[in-house]
Amino acid sequence: MESTIGLFKTELIKPRRPWRTLSDVELATAQWVDWYNYHRLHGEIGHIPPAEYEANYHLTDKKPQVTVKI
């Protein structure tokens, strides 16, 4: 988590200083989180966005079958 916070500060917070209002920071944060989860290509997971990787995982996730002995 520390690296994500550092990335957030480096990419968003510090370059846009000074911020005028808290609302400006909140909106920019929401936009950055959307980009981070849905548009950023992550090299460790095949150069796809994290949200796409997670969706693919859940589509292929094999659930164990429950058997009932009678």
N, C-alpha and C. Protein backbone atom coordinates (compact mmCIF):
# COMPACT_ATOMS: atom_id res chain seq x y z
N MET A 1 0.82 -1.20 0.00
CA MET A 1 0.00 0.00 0.00
C MET A 1 0.86 1.25 0.00
N GLU A 2 2.01 1.19 0.65
CA GLU A 2 2.86 2.38 0.70
C GLU A 2 3.27 2.85 -0.68
N SER A 3 3.55 1.91 -1.59
CA SER A 3 3.95 2.33 -2.93
C SER A 3 2.79 2.97 -3.68
N THR A 4 1.57 2.51 -3.43
CA THR A 4 0.40 3.12 -4.08
C THR A 4 0.19 4.54 -3.59
N ILE A 5 0.35 4.75 -2.29
CA ILE A 5 0.22 6.10 -1.73
C ILE A 5 1.30 7.01 -2.32
N GLY A 6 2.52 6.49 -2.39
CA GLY A 6 3.61 7.27 -2.98
C GLY A 6 3.34 7.63 -4.42
N LEU A 7 2.84 6.66 -5.19
CA LEU A 7 2.50 6.90 -6.59
C LEU A 7 1.40 7.95 -6.71
N PHE A 8 0.39 7.84 -5.86
CA PHE A 8 -0.71 8.80 -5.83
C PHE A 8 -0.20 10.21 -5.57
N LYS A 9 0.66 10.35 -4.57
CA LYS A 9 1.19 11.67 -4.25
C LYS A 9 2.06 12.21 -5.38
N THR A 10 2.92 11.34 -5.93
CA THR A 10 3.85 11.77 -6.98
C THR A 10 3.13 12.13 -8.27
N GLU A 11 2.14 11.35 -8.64
CA GLU A 11 1.46 11.57 -9.92
C GLU A 11 0.34 12.59 -9.87
N LEU A 12 -0.30 12.72 -8.71
CA LEU A 12 -1.49 13.57 -8.67
C LEU A 12 -1.35 14.76 -7.73
N ILE A 13 -1.07 14.50 -6.49
CA ILE A 13 -1.14 15.55 -5.48
C ILE A 13 -0.06 16.61 -5.64
N LYS A 14 1.19 16.20 -5.69
CA LYS A 14 2.29 17.18 -5.73
C LYS A 14 2.34 18.01 -7.01
N PRO A 15 2.16 17.42 -8.19
CA PRO A 15 2.25 18.23 -9.41
C PRO A 15 1.16 19.30 -9.54
N ARG A 16 0.02 19.10 -8.91
CA ARG A 16 -1.09 20.05 -9.09
C ARG A 16 -1.19 21.07 -7.96
N ARG A 17 -0.22 21.11 -7.08
CA ARG A 17 -0.29 22.08 -5.98
C ARG A 17 -0.24 23.49 -6.53
N PRO A 18 -0.80 24.45 -5.89
CA PRO A 18 -1.64 24.37 -4.69
C PRO A 18 -3.07 24.03 -5.07
N TRP A 19 -3.71 23.20 -4.27
CA TRP A 19 -5.11 22.85 -4.46
C TRP A 19 -5.97 23.96 -3.89
N ARG A 20 -7.04 24.31 -4.56
CA ARG A 20 -7.89 25.42 -4.09
C ARG A 20 -8.90 24.97 -3.04
N THR A 21 -9.54 23.82 -3.28
CA THR A 21 -10.56 23.37 -2.33
C THR A 21 -10.43 21.86 -2.10
N LEU A 22 -11.03 21.41 -1.03
CA LEU A 22 -11.08 19.99 -0.75
C LEU A 22 -11.86 19.26 -1.83
N SER A 23 -12.88 19.88 -2.35
CA SER A 23 -13.67 19.27 -3.44
C SER A 23 -12.82 19.01 -4.67
N ASP A 24 -11.89 19.90 -4.97
CA ASP A 24 -10.98 19.70 -6.10
C ASP A 24 -10.13 18.44 -5.89
N VAL A 25 -9.64 18.26 -4.67
CA VAL A 25 -8.82 17.09 -4.35
C VAL A 25 -9.67 15.83 -4.43
N GLU A 26 -10.89 15.88 -3.91
CA GLU A 26 -11.77 14.70 -3.93
C GLU A 26 -12.10 14.28 -5.36
N LEU A 27 -12.41 15.22 -6.22
CA LEU A 27 -12.74 14.91 -7.60
C LEU A 27 -11.52 14.35 -8.33
N ALA A 28 -10.39 14.98 -8.16
CA ALA A 28 -9.16 14.50 -8.81
C ALA A 28 -8.80 13.11 -8.30
N THR A 29 -9.00 12.85 -7.02
CA THR A 29 -8.72 11.53 -6.46
C THR A 29 -9.63 10.47 -7.06
N ALA A 30 -10.90 10.76 -7.18
CA ALA A 30 -11.84 9.81 -7.79
C ALA A 30 -11.45 9.51 -9.23
N GLN A 31 -11.04 10.52 -9.97
CA GLN A 31 -10.62 10.31 -11.35
C GLN A 31 -9.35 9.48 -11.43
N TRP A 32 -8.41 9.74 -10.52
CA TRP A 32 -7.15 9.00 -10.50
C TRP A 32 -7.40 7.53 -10.14
N VAL A 33 -8.26 7.26 -9.18
CA VAL A 33 -8.57 5.89 -8.77
C VAL A 33 -9.24 5.15 -9.93
N ASP A 34 -10.14 5.81 -10.64
CA ASP A 34 -10.77 5.20 -11.81
C ASP A 34 -9.72 4.83 -12.84
N TRP A 35 -8.81 5.74 -13.14
CA TRP A 35 -7.74 5.46 -14.08
C TRP A 35 -6.88 4.30 -13.58
N TYR A 36 -6.50 4.33 -12.30
CA TYR A 36 -5.62 3.33 -11.71
C TYR A 36 -6.22 1.92 -11.80
N ASN A 37 -7.52 1.81 -11.62
CA ASN A 37 -8.16 0.49 -11.61
C ASN A 37 -8.66 0.03 -12.97
N TYR A 38 -9.09 0.96 -13.82
CA TYR A 38 -9.77 0.57 -15.05
C TYR A 38 -9.04 0.89 -16.35
N HIS A 39 -8.01 1.70 -16.32
CA HIS A 39 -7.35 2.11 -17.56
C HIS A 39 -5.84 1.88 -17.55
N ARG A 40 -5.22 1.86 -16.41
CA ARG A 40 -3.76 1.70 -16.29
C ARG A 40 -3.39 0.28 -16.70
N LEU A 41 -2.40 0.16 -17.57
CA LEU A 41 -1.94 -1.15 -17.99
C LEU A 41 -0.85 -1.61 -17.02
N HIS A 42 -1.07 -2.77 -16.43
CA HIS A 42 -0.18 -3.29 -15.40
C HIS A 42 0.70 -4.38 -16.02
N GLY A 43 2.00 -4.16 -16.03
CA GLY A 43 2.94 -5.08 -16.67
C GLY A 43 3.01 -6.45 -16.05
N GLU A 44 2.82 -6.56 -14.76
CA GLU A 44 2.94 -7.85 -14.08
C GLU A 44 1.75 -8.78 -14.34
N ILE A 45 0.68 -8.26 -14.89
CA ILE A 45 -0.51 -9.08 -15.13
C ILE A 45 -0.88 -9.10 -16.62
N GLY A 46 0.12 -8.97 -17.48
CA GLY A 46 -0.13 -9.09 -18.91
C GLY A 46 -0.52 -7.82 -19.62
N HIS A 47 -0.16 -6.68 -19.06
CA HIS A 47 -0.44 -5.37 -19.67
C HIS A 47 -1.93 -5.16 -19.90
N ILE A 48 -2.71 -5.50 -18.88
CA ILE A 48 -4.14 -5.21 -18.89
C ILE A 48 -4.47 -4.48 -17.59
N PRO A 49 -5.59 -3.76 -17.55
CA PRO A 49 -5.97 -3.06 -16.33
C PRO A 49 -6.32 -4.05 -15.21
N PRO A 50 -6.06 -3.67 -13.95
CA PRO A 50 -6.37 -4.55 -12.83
C PRO A 50 -7.83 -5.01 -12.79
N ALA A 51 -8.77 -4.15 -13.10
CA ALA A 51 -10.18 -4.54 -13.06
C ALA A 51 -10.48 -5.63 -14.10
N GLU A 52 -9.86 -5.54 -15.26
CA GLU A 52 -10.05 -6.56 -16.29
C GLU A 52 -9.45 -7.89 -15.85
N TYR A 53 -8.27 -7.84 -15.24
CA TYR A 53 -7.62 -9.04 -14.73
C TYR A 53 -8.50 -9.73 -13.68
N GLU A 54 -9.06 -8.95 -12.78
CA GLU A 54 -9.92 -9.52 -11.74
C GLU A 54 -11.18 -10.12 -12.34
N ALA A 55 -11.78 -9.44 -13.30
CA ALA A 55 -12.98 -9.97 -13.95
C ALA A 55 -12.66 -11.29 -14.65
N ASN A 56 -11.53 -11.36 -15.34
CA ASN A 56 -11.12 -12.60 -16.00
C ASN A 56 -10.91 -13.71 -14.98
N TYR A 57 -10.33 -13.39 -13.87
CA TYR A 57 -10.10 -14.38 -12.82
C TYR A 57 -11.43 -14.98 -12.35
N HIS A 58 -12.40 -14.15 -12.11
CA HIS A 58 -13.69 -14.64 -11.62
C HIS A 58 -14.45 -15.44 -12.68
N LEU A 59 -14.21 -15.15 -13.94
CA LEU A 59 -14.84 -15.92 -15.00
C LEU A 59 -14.26 -17.33 -15.11
N THR A 60 -12.97 -17.46 -14.82
CA THR A 60 -12.31 -18.76 -14.96
C THR A 60 -12.14 -19.47 -13.62
N ASP A 61 -12.53 -18.85 -12.56
CA ASP A 61 -12.37 -19.45 -11.23
C ASP A 61 -13.22 -20.71 -11.13
N LYS A 62 -12.57 -21.81 -10.83
CA LYS A 62 -13.27 -23.08 -10.69
C LYS A 62 -13.70 -23.27 -9.25
N LYS A 63 -14.97 -23.34 -9.05
CA LYS A 63 -15.51 -23.55 -7.71
C LYS A 63 -15.52 -25.07 -7.44
N PRO A 64 -15.12 -25.49 -6.26
CA PRO A 64 -15.17 -26.91 -5.96
C PRO A 64 -16.61 -27.40 -5.90
N GLN A 65 -16.83 -28.57 -6.44
CA GLN A 65 -18.17 -29.13 -6.41
C GLN A 65 -18.44 -29.77 -5.05
N VAL A 66 -19.60 -29.54 -4.56
CA VAL A 66 -19.99 -30.10 -3.28
C VAL A 66 -20.71 -31.42 -3.55
N THR A 67 -20.24 -32.48 -2.91
CA THR A 67 -20.91 -33.75 -3.05
C THR A 67 -21.56 -34.13 -1.72
N VAL A 68 -22.72 -34.69 -1.83
CA VAL A 68 -23.47 -35.07 -0.64
C VAL A 68 -23.59 -36.59 -0.60
N LYS A 69 -23.15 -37.18 0.50
CA LYS A 69 -23.29 -38.63 0.67
C LYS A 69 -24.64 -38.91 1.32
N ILE A 70 -25.35 -39.85 0.73
CA ILE A 70 -26.66 -40.18 1.27
C ILE A 70 -26.59 -41.53 1.94
